[in-house]
Amino acid sequence: MNCSFGYDDVVPPWNGFSVIAVVVCLVLPLAFAFGAGTTLEILRRLPLAARLLLPCWSAIPYLLVSISYQVFRIHWLVIYALLPTVITVALWRARERDPEQLGSWLDFAVLLILGLVVEFRRFEPAWPPHLGAFNRIILLDAGLYGFLVIRQLGNVGFDLRPRLSDWKNGLRELVFYAPIAVPLGLALGFLHLHTEWHGMAKLAVSFVSIFFLIAILEETYFRGWWQNLLERRVGPNRALLVTSLLFGLSHFNKGTTAFNWRYVLLAMLAAVFYGRAWRSEHRIFASAITHTCVDTIWLLWLR
């Protein structure tokens, strides 16, 4: 059933409903990031049926945005209500089958689904063109809820209260990575040096936006979930290598329609150091620091 009401190409970037949708999307990750203990305790006290059905809230941001921008379609509403619930049920079954948290096929199936949907942007047509990022945040919410509340996976490290050790571990890996990646990237013709100074304001804005909009999402997915689970299954070193390979391959089509092997190679190499930063204390904040520094330097001086 198609319930689209049409879409005007000239739309304001934000309205009151989209702002409310942002708040709804961010409530859960912020609660985990700054008060995980209390949040988990409250949610885990709910009856099982309520815990399994709670992810239906993911349909609320879609409703608010799609109706206000006149792009509502009933099948997208069903998908955003159903997919997070299916993920939750799958991870509940994974916890029942694998209480030792060694990594069940259900865990990896959920990760593949989340990764493929985000990588190939299959759900972004549900949104106005300038608001497609809502899809990534909703899927992050679904993964966080499923792995932290239902699966009760340890060592994810989704805590955004900074520690001095996070900066130490993150910057240490940047120092190790840069002398390898910069000469290699320049030699391959992937990196191009620009020496102009863009000012502190642009540097700060770039750093903060990359940290929250890119690094935290990708580090949660690849380090907090993939590397974390693989460590239990194949050990820390193999987990680091496999996760780095997956991270590199996820960049295969960035900036080109063909297989971008240079990007894949440098991203794979970077992921080794992101993974090392994360596993120092199992902290996403640490690997996000390395990730953010790399992307910021690339964006401003090496792109």
C-alpha atoms as a PDB file:
ATOM      1  CA  MET A   1       0.000   0.000   0.000  1.00  0.00           C
ATOM      2  CA  ASN A   2       1.573   3.244  -1.136  1.00  0.00           C
ATOM      3  CA  CYS A   3       0.703   6.184   1.094  1.00  0.00           C
ATOM      4  CA  SER A   4       3.108   8.723  -0.375  1.00  0.00           C
ATOM      5  CA  PHE A   5       1.782  12.247  -0.529  1.00  0.00           C
ATOM      6  CA  GLY A   6       4.502  13.558  -2.859  1.00  0.00           C
ATOM      7  CA  TYR A   7       7.614  15.542  -2.104  1.00  0.00           C
ATOM      8  CA  ASP A   8       8.608  19.111  -2.856  1.00  0.00           C
ATOM      9  CA  ASP A   9      12.272  19.286  -3.921  1.00  0.00           C
ATOM     10  CA  VAL A  10      12.688  22.618  -2.144  1.00  0.00           C
ATOM     11  CA  VAL A  11      12.414  21.839   1.555  1.00  0.00           C
ATOM     12  CA  PRO A  12      13.865  23.474   4.652  1.00  0.00           C
ATOM     13  CA  PRO A  13      16.708  21.449   6.163  1.00  0.00           C
ATOM     14  CA  TRP A  14      14.982  21.139   9.545  1.00  0.00           C
ATOM     15  CA  ASN A  15      11.593  21.657  11.096  1.00  0.00           C
ATOM     16  CA  GLY A  16      10.154  21.169  14.560  1.00  0.00           C
ATOM     17  CA  PHE A  17       9.237  17.531  13.908  1.00  0.00           C
ATOM     18  CA  SER A  18      12.705  16.602  12.668  1.00  0.00           C
ATOM     19  CA  VAL A  19      14.253  18.182  15.768  1.00  0.00           C
ATOM     20  CA  ILE A  20      11.947  16.095  17.977  1.00  0.00           C
ATOM     21  CA  ALA A  21      12.934  13.036  15.938  1.00  0.00           C
ATOM     22  CA  VAL A  22      16.612  13.780  16.629  1.00  0.00           C
ATOM     23  CA  VAL A  23      15.883  13.926  20.354  1.00  0.00           C
ATOM     24  CA  VAL A  24      14.044  10.592  20.203  1.00  0.00           C
ATOM     25  CA  CYS A  25      16.945   9.003  18.321  1.00  0.00           C
ATOM     26  CA  LEU A  26      19.595  10.310  20.717  1.00  0.00           C
ATOM     27  CA  VAL A  27      17.921   9.495  24.038  1.00  0.00           C
ATOM     28  CA  LEU A  28      19.123   5.890  24.081  1.00  0.00           C
ATOM     29  CA  PRO A  29      22.754   6.343  22.934  1.00  0.00           C
ATOM     30  CA  LEU A  30      23.230   9.316  25.276  1.00  0.00           C
ATOM     31  CA  ALA A  31      21.788   7.337  28.177  1.00  0.00           C
ATOM     32  CA  PHE A  32      24.221   4.489  27.472  1.00  0.00           C
ATOM     33  CA  ALA A  33      27.147   6.840  26.841  1.00  0.00           C
ATOM     34  CA  PHE A  34      26.809   8.802  30.086  1.00  0.00           C
ATOM     35  CA  GLY A  35      24.846   6.539  32.419  1.00  0.00           C
ATOM     36  CA  ALA A  36      24.988   2.974  31.178  1.00  0.00           C
ATOM     37  CA  GLY A  37      24.726   1.329  34.593  1.00  0.00           C
ATOM     38  CA  THR A  38      21.489   3.018  35.599  1.00  0.00           C
ATOM     39  CA  THR A  39      19.996   2.759  32.117  1.00  0.00           C
ATOM     40  CA  LEU A  40      20.706  -0.952  31.813  1.00  0.00           C
ATOM     41  CA  GLU A  41      19.356  -1.630  35.294  1.00  0.00           C
ATOM     42  CA  ILE A  42      16.065   0.100  34.495  1.00  0.00           C
ATOM     43  CA  LEU A  43      15.591  -1.539  31.092  1.00  0.00           C
ATOM     44  CA  ARG A  44      16.519  -5.022  32.265  1.00  0.00           C
ATOM     45  CA  ARG A  45      13.848  -4.874  34.977  1.00  0.00           C
ATOM     46  CA  LEU A  46      11.099  -4.661  32.349  1.00  0.00           C
ATOM     47  CA  PRO A  47       9.088  -7.816  31.596  1.00  0.00           C
ATOM     48  CA  LEU A  48      10.551  -9.867  28.757  1.00  0.00           C
ATOM     49  CA  ALA A  49       7.680  -9.083  26.366  1.00  0.00           C
ATOM     50  CA  ALA A  50       8.134  -5.350  26.955  1.00  0.00           C
ATOM     51  CA  ARG A  51      11.908  -5.600  26.414  1.00  0.00           C
ATOM     52  CA  LEU A  52      11.450  -7.464  23.139  1.00  0.00           C
ATOM     53  CA  LEU A  53       8.799  -5.064  21.797  1.00  0.00           C
ATOM     54  CA  LEU A  54      10.348  -1.797  23.003  1.00  0.00           C
ATOM     55  CA  PRO A  55      12.467  -1.324  19.830  1.00  0.00           C
ATOM     56  CA  CYS A  56       9.258  -0.575  17.931  1.00  0.00           C
ATOM     57  CA  TRP A  57       9.980   2.990  19.065  1.00  0.00           C
ATOM     58  CA  SER A  58      12.277   3.197  16.030  1.00  0.00           C
ATOM     59  CA  ALA A  59       9.196   3.891  13.938  1.00  0.00           C
ATOM     60  CA  ILE A  60       8.534   7.150  15.817  1.00  0.00           C
ATOM     61  CA  PRO A  61      11.348   9.224  14.231  1.00  0.00           C
ATOM     62  CA  TYR A  62      10.324   7.959  10.801  1.00  0.00           C
ATOM     63  CA  LEU A  63       6.702   8.942  11.437  1.00  0.00           C
ATOM     64  CA  LEU A  64       7.652  12.427  12.629  1.00  0.00           C
ATOM     65  CA  VAL A  65       9.983  13.166   9.726  1.00  0.00           C
ATOM     66  CA  SER A  66       8.120  11.468   6.897  1.00  0.00           C
ATOM     67  CA  ILE A  67       4.723  12.979   7.662  1.00  0.00           C
ATOM     68  CA  SER A  68       6.123  16.478   8.197  1.00  0.00           C
ATOM     69  CA  TYR A  69       8.019  16.315   4.873  1.00  0.00           C
ATOM     70  CA  GLN A  70       5.198  14.488   3.073  1.00  0.00           C
ATOM     71  CA  VAL A  71       7.214  11.397   2.147  1.00  0.00           C
ATOM     72  CA  PHE A  72       5.362   8.864   4.295  1.00  0.00           C
ATOM     73  CA  ARG A  73       5.076   5.300   2.978  1.00  0.00           C
ATOM     74  CA  ILE A  74       3.514   2.534   4.991  1.00  0.00           C
ATOM     75  CA  HIS A  75       6.104  -0.109   4.080  1.00  0.00           C
ATOM     76  CA  TRP A  76       8.936   1.997   5.539  1.00  0.00           C
ATOM     77  CA  LEU A  77       6.967   2.407   8.746  1.00  0.00           C
ATOM     78  CA  VAL A  78       6.588  -1.372   8.985  1.00  0.00           C
ATOM     79  CA  ILE A  79      10.302  -1.901   8.285  1.00  0.00           C
ATOM     80  CA  TYR A  80      11.427   0.566  10.961  1.00  0.00           C
ATOM     81  CA  ALA A  81       9.090  -0.993  13.502  1.00  0.00           C
ATOM     82  CA  LEU A  82       9.843  -4.602  12.553  1.00  0.00           C
ATOM     83  CA  LEU A  83      13.595  -4.753  11.824  1.00  0.00           C
ATOM     84  CA  PRO A  84      14.807  -3.502  15.249  1.00  0.00           C
ATOM     85  CA  THR A  85      12.359  -5.913  16.893  1.00  0.00           C
ATOM     86  CA  VAL A  86      13.663  -8.835  14.816  1.00  0.00           C
ATOM     87  CA  ILE A  87      17.226  -7.848  15.774  1.00  0.00           C
ATOM     88  CA  THR A  88      16.220  -7.799  19.435  1.00  0.00           C
ATOM     89  CA  VAL A  89      14.588 -11.227  19.264  1.00  0.00           C
ATOM     90  CA  ALA A  90      17.601 -12.670  17.418  1.00  0.00           C
ATOM     91  CA  LEU A  91      19.986 -11.368  20.075  1.00  0.00           C
ATOM     92  CA  TRP A  92      17.749 -12.688  22.838  1.00  0.00           C
ATOM     93  CA  ARG A  93      17.969 -16.121  21.213  1.00  0.00           C
ATOM     94  CA  ALA A  94      21.749 -15.669  20.887  1.00  0.00           C
ATOM     95  CA  ARG A  95      21.982 -14.999  24.623  1.00  0.00           C
ATOM     96  CA  GLU A  96      19.916 -18.105  25.375  1.00  0.00           C
ATOM     97  CA  ARG A  97      22.072 -20.289  23.121  1.00  0.00           C
ATOM     98  CA  ASP A  98      25.436 -18.739  23.940  1.00  0.00           C
ATOM     99  CA  PRO A  99      25.501 -17.534  27.577  1.00  0.00           C
ATOM    100  CA  GLU A 100      29.332 -17.675  27.568  1.00  0.00           C
ATOM    101  CA  GLN A 101      29.300 -14.938  24.889  1.00  0.00           C
ATOM    102  CA  LEU A 102      31.658 -16.785  22.564  1.00  0.00           C
ATOM    103  CA  GLY A 103      29.815 -15.432  19.526  1.00  0.00           C
ATOM    104  CA  SER A 104      26.756 -17.084  18.023  1.00  0.00           C
ATOM    105  CA  TRP A 105      25.875 -17.195  14.329  1.00  0.00           C
ATOM    106  CA  LEU A 106      22.883 -15.033  15.297  1.00  0.00           C
ATOM    107  CA  ASP A 107      25.243 -12.301  16.540  1.00  0.00           C
ATOM    108  CA  PHE A 108      27.126 -12.260  13.255  1.00  0.00           C
ATOM    109  CA  ALA A 109      23.911 -12.445  11.208  1.00  0.00           C
ATOM    110  CA  VAL A 110      22.653  -9.315  12.991  1.00  0.00           C
ATOM    111  CA  LEU A 111      25.964  -7.542  12.341  1.00  0.00           C
ATOM    112  CA  LEU A 112      25.899  -8.455   8.660  1.00  0.00           C
ATOM    113  CA  ILE A 113      22.336  -7.194   8.276  1.00  0.00           C
ATOM    114  CA  LEU A 114      23.151  -3.901   9.997  1.00  0.00           C
ATOM    115  CA  GLY A 115      26.341  -3.456   7.993  1.00  0.00           C
ATOM    116  CA  LEU A 116      24.847  -4.250   4.603  1.00  0.00           C
ATOM    117  CA  VAL A 117      21.836  -1.995   5.139  1.00  0.00           C
ATOM    118  CA  VAL A 118      24.080   0.929   6.093  1.00  0.00           C
ATOM    119  CA  GLU A 119      26.825   0.271   3.514  1.00  0.00           C
ATOM    120  CA  PHE A 120      24.480   0.038   0.526  1.00  0.00           C
ATOM    121  CA  ARG A 121      22.075   2.691   1.857  1.00  0.00           C
ATOM    122  CA  ARG A 122      19.072   0.498   1.169  1.00  0.00           C
ATOM    123  CA  PHE A 123      16.820   2.361   3.609  1.00  0.00           C
ATOM    124  CA  GLU A 124      17.905   5.940   2.921  1.00  0.00           C
ATOM    125  CA  PRO A 125      15.261   6.467   0.182  1.00  0.00           C
ATOM    126  CA  ALA A 126      12.753   6.420   3.050  1.00  0.00           C
ATOM    127  CA  TRP A 127      13.974   9.862   4.117  1.00  0.00           C
ATOM    128  CA  PRO A 128      14.212  13.322   2.569  1.00  0.00           C
ATOM    129  CA  PRO A 129      17.611  13.527   0.798  1.00  0.00           C
ATOM    130  CA  HIS A 130      19.187  15.755   3.445  1.00  0.00           C
ATOM    131  CA  LEU A 131      18.046  13.592   6.372  1.00  0.00           C
ATOM    132  CA  GLY A 132      19.282  10.147   5.343  1.00  0.00           C
ATOM    133  CA  ALA A 133      21.588  10.048   8.387  1.00  0.00           C
ATOM    134  CA  PHE A 134      18.523   9.245  10.506  1.00  0.00           C
ATOM    135  CA  ASN A 135      18.794   5.706   9.170  1.00  0.00           C
ATOM    136  CA  ARG A 136      22.273   5.199  10.633  1.00  0.00           C
ATOM    137  CA  ILE A 137      21.272   6.567  14.037  1.00  0.00           C
ATOM    138  CA  ILE A 138      18.176   4.356  14.199  1.00  0.00           C
ATOM    139  CA  LEU A 139      20.213   1.267  13.342  1.00  0.00           C
ATOM    140  CA  LEU A 140      22.824   2.269  15.940  1.00  0.00           C
ATOM    141  CA  ASP A 141      19.997   2.484  18.490  1.00  0.00           C
ATOM    142  CA  ALA A 142      18.761  -0.967  17.476  1.00  0.00           C
ATOM    143  CA  GLY A 143      22.246  -2.452  17.817  1.00  0.00           C
ATOM    144  CA  LEU A 144      22.998  -0.778  21.139  1.00  0.00           C
ATOM    145  CA  TYR A 145      19.696  -1.865  22.620  1.00  0.00           C
ATOM    146  CA  GLY A 146      20.052  -5.402  21.303  1.00  0.00           C
ATOM    147  CA  PHE A 147      23.671  -5.994  22.320  1.00  0.00           C
ATOM    148  CA  LEU A 148      23.690  -4.103  25.633  1.00  0.00           C
ATOM    149  CA  VAL A 149      20.200  -4.649  27.025  1.00  0.00           C
ATOM    150  CA  ILE A 150      19.178  -7.993  25.524  1.00  0.00           C
ATOM    151  CA  ARG A 151      22.425  -9.780  24.639  1.00  0.00           C
ATOM    152  CA  GLN A 152      24.188  -8.195  27.640  1.00  0.00           C
ATOM    153  CA  LEU A 153      27.473  -8.254  25.741  1.00  0.00           C
ATOM    154  CA  GLY A 154      30.445  -7.201  27.825  1.00  0.00           C
ATOM    155  CA  ASN A 155      33.501  -5.123  26.852  1.00  0.00           C
ATOM    156  CA  VAL A 156      31.674  -3.068  24.213  1.00  0.00           C
ATOM    157  CA  GLY A 157      33.087   0.084  25.783  1.00  0.00           C
ATOM    158  CA  PHE A 158      30.309   2.465  24.738  1.00  0.00           C
ATOM    159  CA  ASP A 159      31.141   5.070  27.384  1.00  0.00           C
ATOM    160  CA  LEU A 160      31.680   8.639  26.216  1.00  0.00           C
ATOM    161  CA  ARG A 161      32.866   9.967  29.547  1.00  0.00           C
ATOM    162  CA  PRO A 162      36.468  10.760  28.567  1.00  0.00           C
ATOM    163  CA  ARG A 163      39.466   9.450  30.440  1.00  0.00           C
ATOM    164  CA  LEU A 164      43.044  10.589  30.151  1.00  0.00           C
ATOM    165  CA  SER A 165      43.950   7.038  29.118  1.00  0.00           C
ATOM    166  CA  ASP A 166      41.552   7.287  26.150  1.00  0.00           C
ATOM    167  CA  TRP A 167      43.515  10.229  24.768  1.00  0.00           C
ATOM    168  CA  LYS A 168      46.825   8.546  25.550  1.00  0.00           C
ATOM    169  CA  ASN A 169      45.856   5.295  23.815  1.00  0.00           C
ATOM    170  CA  GLY A 170      44.157   7.014  20.902  1.00  0.00           C
ATOM    171  CA  LEU A 171      46.947   9.479  20.168  1.00  0.00           C
ATOM    172  CA  ARG A 172      49.613   6.797  20.631  1.00  0.00           C
ATOM    173  CA  GLU A 173      48.088   4.769  17.798  1.00  0.00           C
ATOM    174  CA  LEU A 174      47.885   7.875  15.612  1.00  0.00           C
ATOM    175  CA  VAL A 175      51.629   8.414  16.123  1.00  0.00           C
ATOM    176  CA  PHE A 176      52.253   4.800  15.088  1.00  0.00           C
ATOM    177  CA  TYR A 177      49.935   4.942  12.050  1.00  0.00           C
ATOM    178  CA  ALA A 178      50.794   8.307  10.496  1.00  0.00           C
ATOM    179  CA  PRO A 179      54.460   7.622   9.552  1.00  0.00           C
ATOM    180  CA  ILE A 180      53.317   4.490   7.716  1.00  0.00           C
ATOM    181  CA  ALA A 181      50.132   5.753   6.080  1.00  0.00           C
ATOM    182  CA  VAL A 182      51.187   9.207   4.882  1.00  0.00           C
ATOM    183  CA  PRO A 183      54.225   8.135   2.790  1.00  0.00           C
ATOM    184  CA  LEU A 184      52.296   5.112   1.490  1.00  0.00           C
ATOM    185  CA  GLY A 185      49.235   7.186   0.589  1.00  0.00           C
ATOM    186  CA  LEU A 186      51.335   9.833  -1.172  1.00  0.00           C
ATOM    187  CA  ALA A 187      53.268   7.170  -3.086  1.00  0.00           C
ATOM    188  CA  LEU A 188      50.001   5.540  -4.217  1.00  0.00           C
ATOM    189  CA  GLY A 189      48.567   8.873  -5.326  1.00  0.00           C
ATOM    190  CA  PHE A 190      45.651   8.522  -2.894  1.00  0.00           C
ATOM    191  CA  LEU A 191      46.788  11.337  -0.596  1.00  0.00           C
ATOM    192  CA  HIS A 192      47.570  14.869  -1.778  1.00  0.00           C
ATOM    193  CA  LEU A 193      49.327  17.254   0.578  1.00  0.00           C
ATOM    194  CA  HIS A 194      47.786  20.697   1.243  1.00  0.00           C
ATOM    195  CA  THR A 195      49.680  22.967   3.627  1.00  0.00           C
ATOM    196  CA  GLU A 196      47.167  25.808   4.034  1.00  0.00           C
ATOM    197  CA  TRP A 197      45.906  26.523   7.547  1.00  0.00           C
ATOM    198  CA  HIS A 198      42.099  26.470   7.792  1.00  0.00           C
ATOM    199  CA  GLY A 199      41.803  28.098  11.213  1.00  0.00           C
ATOM    200  CA  MET A 200      40.953  26.753  14.646  1.00  0.00           C
ATOM    201  CA  ALA A 201      37.215  27.082  14.132  1.00  0.00           C
ATOM    202  CA  LYS A 202      37.148  24.799  11.092  1.00  0.00           C
ATOM    203  CA  LEU A 203      39.519  22.378  12.786  1.00  0.00           C
ATOM    204  CA  ALA A 204      37.298  22.188  15.874  1.00  0.00           C
ATOM    205  CA  VAL A 205      34.077  21.829  13.894  1.00  0.00           C
ATOM    206  CA  SER A 206      35.592  19.121  11.699  1.00  0.00           C
ATOM    207  CA  PHE A 207      36.942  17.205  14.690  1.00  0.00           C
ATOM    208  CA  VAL A 208      33.704  17.288  16.684  1.00  0.00           C
ATOM    209  CA  SER A 209      31.437  16.451  13.741  1.00  0.00           C
ATOM    210  CA  ILE A 210      33.642  13.543  12.613  1.00  0.00           C
ATOM    211  CA  PHE A 211      33.901  12.236  16.181  1.00  0.00           C
ATOM    212  CA  PHE A 212      30.144  12.086  16.757  1.00  0.00           C
ATOM    213  CA  LEU A 213      28.777  11.488  13.249  1.00  0.00           C
ATOM    214  CA  ILE A 214      31.352   9.042  11.890  1.00  0.00           C
ATOM    215  CA  ALA A 215      33.891   7.733  14.388  1.00  0.00           C
ATOM    216  CA  ILE A 216      31.559   6.782  17.244  1.00  0.00           C
ATOM    217  CA  LEU A 217      29.155   4.965  14.902  1.00  0.00           C
ATOM    218  CA  GLU A 218      31.850   3.065  13.013  1.00  0.00           C
ATOM    219  CA  GLU A 219      33.913   2.254  16.104  1.00  0.00           C
ATOM    220  CA  THR A 220      30.862   0.896  17.907  1.00  0.00           C
ATOM    221  CA  TYR A 221      30.042  -1.351  14.967  1.00  0.00           C
ATOM    222  CA  PHE A 222      33.524  -2.586  14.061  1.00  0.00           C
ATOM    223  CA  ARG A 223      35.344  -2.552  17.394  1.00  0.00           C
ATOM    224  CA  GLY A 224      32.614  -2.710  20.042  1.00  0.00           C
ATOM    225  CA  TRP A 225      30.658  -5.450  18.260  1.00  0.00           C
ATOM    226  CA  TRP A 226      32.681  -7.212  15.536  1.00  0.00           C
ATOM    227  CA  GLN A 227      36.140  -7.222  17.115  1.00  0.00           C
ATOM    228  CA  ASN A 228      34.669  -7.791  20.559  1.00  0.00           C
ATOM    229  CA  LEU A 229      32.785 -10.917  19.490  1.00  0.00           C
ATOM    230  CA  LEU A 230      35.597 -12.239  17.304  1.00  0.00           C
ATOM    231  CA  GLU A 231      38.092 -11.928  20.158  1.00  0.00           C
ATOM    232  CA  ARG A 232      36.036 -14.478  22.069  1.00  0.00           C
ATOM    233  CA  ARG A 233      35.844 -16.790  19.068  1.00  0.00           C
ATOM    234  CA  VAL A 234      39.323 -16.630  17.465  1.00  0.00           C
ATOM    235  CA  GLY A 235      41.514 -14.658  19.873  1.00  0.00           C
ATOM    236  CA  PRO A 236      42.600 -10.990  19.975  1.00  0.00           C
ATOM    237  CA  ASN A 237      45.151 -10.955  17.141  1.00  0.00           C
ATOM    238  CA  ARG A 238      43.035 -12.795  14.599  1.00  0.00           C
ATOM    239  CA  ALA A 239      40.036 -10.712  15.639  1.00  0.00           C
ATOM    240  CA  LEU A 240      42.032  -7.556  14.999  1.00  0.00           C
ATOM    241  CA  LEU A 241      43.058  -8.738  11.521  1.00  0.00           C
ATOM    242  CA  VAL A 242      39.588  -9.947  10.495  1.00  0.00           C
ATOM    243  CA  THR A 243      37.918  -6.765  11.728  1.00  0.00           C
ATOM    244  CA  SER A 244      40.517  -4.637   9.932  1.00  0.00           C
ATOM    245  CA  LEU A 245      39.832  -6.531   6.713  1.00  0.00           C
ATOM    246  CA  LEU A 246      36.081  -5.981   7.098  1.00  0.00           C
ATOM    247  CA  PHE A 247      36.615  -2.297   7.830  1.00  0.00           C
ATOM    248  CA  GLY A 248      38.824  -1.890   4.778  1.00  0.00           C
ATOM    249  CA  LEU A 249      36.373  -3.666   2.484  1.00  0.00           C
ATOM    250  CA  SER A 250      33.545  -1.449   3.730  1.00  0.00           C
ATOM    251  CA  HIS A 251      35.353   1.422   1.957  1.00  0.00           C
ATOM    252  CA  PHE A 252      35.546  -0.329  -1.415  1.00  0.00           C
ATOM    253  CA  ASN A 253      33.227   2.096  -3.217  1.00  0.00           C
ATOM    254  CA  LYS A 254      34.081   5.362  -1.475  1.00  0.00           C
ATOM    255  CA  GLY A 255      34.778   8.219  -3.844  1.00  0.00           C
ATOM    256  CA  THR A 256      34.418   6.108  -6.997  1.00  0.00           C
ATOM    257  CA  THR A 257      32.047   3.719  -8.737  1.00  0.00           C
ATOM    258  CA  ALA A 258      34.829   1.117  -9.111  1.00  0.00           C
ATOM    259  CA  PHE A 259      36.634  -0.918  -6.471  1.00  0.00           C
ATOM    260  CA  ASN A 260      38.800   1.686  -4.712  1.00  0.00           C
ATOM    261  CA  TRP A 261      41.681  -0.573  -3.672  1.00  0.00           C
ATOM    262  CA  ARG A 262      43.852   2.301  -2.440  1.00  0.00           C
ATOM    263  CA  TYR A 263      41.150   3.418  -0.023  1.00  0.00           C
ATOM    264  CA  VAL A 264      40.573  -0.196   1.056  1.00  0.00           C
ATOM    265  CA  LEU A 265      44.288  -0.706   1.732  1.00  0.00           C
ATOM    266  CA  LEU A 266      44.739   2.458   3.800  1.00  0.00           C
ATOM    267  CA  ALA A 267      41.451   1.941   5.654  1.00  0.00           C
ATOM    268  CA  MET A 268      42.459  -1.640   6.446  1.00  0.00           C
ATOM    269  CA  LEU A 269      45.799  -0.425   7.774  1.00  0.00           C
ATOM    270  CA  ALA A 270      44.118   2.325   9.806  1.00  0.00           C
ATOM    271  CA  ALA A 271      41.728  -0.200  11.326  1.00  0.00           C
ATOM    272  CA  VAL A 272      44.649  -2.140  12.800  1.00  0.00           C
ATOM    273  CA  PHE A 273      45.539   0.923  14.859  1.00  0.00           C
ATOM    274  CA  TYR A 274      41.904   1.735  15.683  1.00  0.00           C
ATOM    275  CA  GLY A 275      41.535  -1.810  16.931  1.00  0.00           C
ATOM    276  CA  ARG A 276      44.714  -1.575  19.003  1.00  0.00           C
ATOM    277  CA  ALA A 277      43.434   1.625  20.631  1.00  0.00           C
ATOM    278  CA  TRP A 278      40.095  -0.017  21.459  1.00  0.00           C
ATOM    279  CA  ARG A 279      41.513  -3.211  22.899  1.00  0.00           C
ATOM    280  CA  SER A 280      43.937  -1.360  25.191  1.00  0.00           C
ATOM    281  CA  GLU A 281      41.079  -0.930  27.675  1.00  0.00           C
ATOM    282  CA  HIS A 282      38.065  -1.967  25.566  1.00  0.00           C
ATOM    283  CA  ARG A 283      37.023   1.680  25.172  1.00  0.00           C
ATOM    284  CA  ILE A 284      35.331   3.034  22.044  1.00  0.00           C
ATOM    285  CA  PHE A 285      36.309   6.562  23.058  1.00  0.00           C
ATOM    286  CA  ALA A 286      39.990   5.665  22.584  1.00  0.00           C
ATOM    287  CA  SER A 287      39.625   4.199  19.091  1.00  0.00           C
ATOM    288  CA  ALA A 288      37.292   7.058  18.139  1.00  0.00           C
ATOM    289  CA  ILE A 289      40.079   9.508  19.014  1.00  0.00           C
ATOM    290  CA  THR A 290      42.487   7.773  16.616  1.00  0.00           C
ATOM    291  CA  HIS A 291      39.772   7.509  13.962  1.00  0.00           C
ATOM    292  CA  THR A 292      38.742  11.155  14.302  1.00  0.00           C
ATOM    293  CA  CYS A 293      42.319  12.440  14.125  1.00  0.00           C
ATOM    294  CA  VAL A 294      43.021  10.397  10.995  1.00  0.00           C
ATOM    295  CA  ASP A 295      39.853  11.561   9.233  1.00  0.00           C
ATOM    296  CA  THR A 296      40.314  15.195  10.279  1.00  0.00           C
ATOM    297  CA  ILE A 297      43.915  15.322   9.048  1.00  0.00           C
ATOM    298  CA  TRP A 298      42.884  13.657   5.787  1.00  0.00           C
ATOM    299  CA  LEU A 299      39.938  16.009   5.276  1.00  0.00           C
ATOM    300  CA  LEU A 300      41.858  19.233   5.908  1.00  0.00           C
ATOM    301  CA  TRP A 301      45.394  18.517   4.639  1.00  0.00           C
ATOM    302  CA  LEU A 302      45.670  15.275   2.681  1.00  0.00           C
ATOM    303  CA  ARG A 303      42.506  14.842   0.615  1.00  0.00           C
END
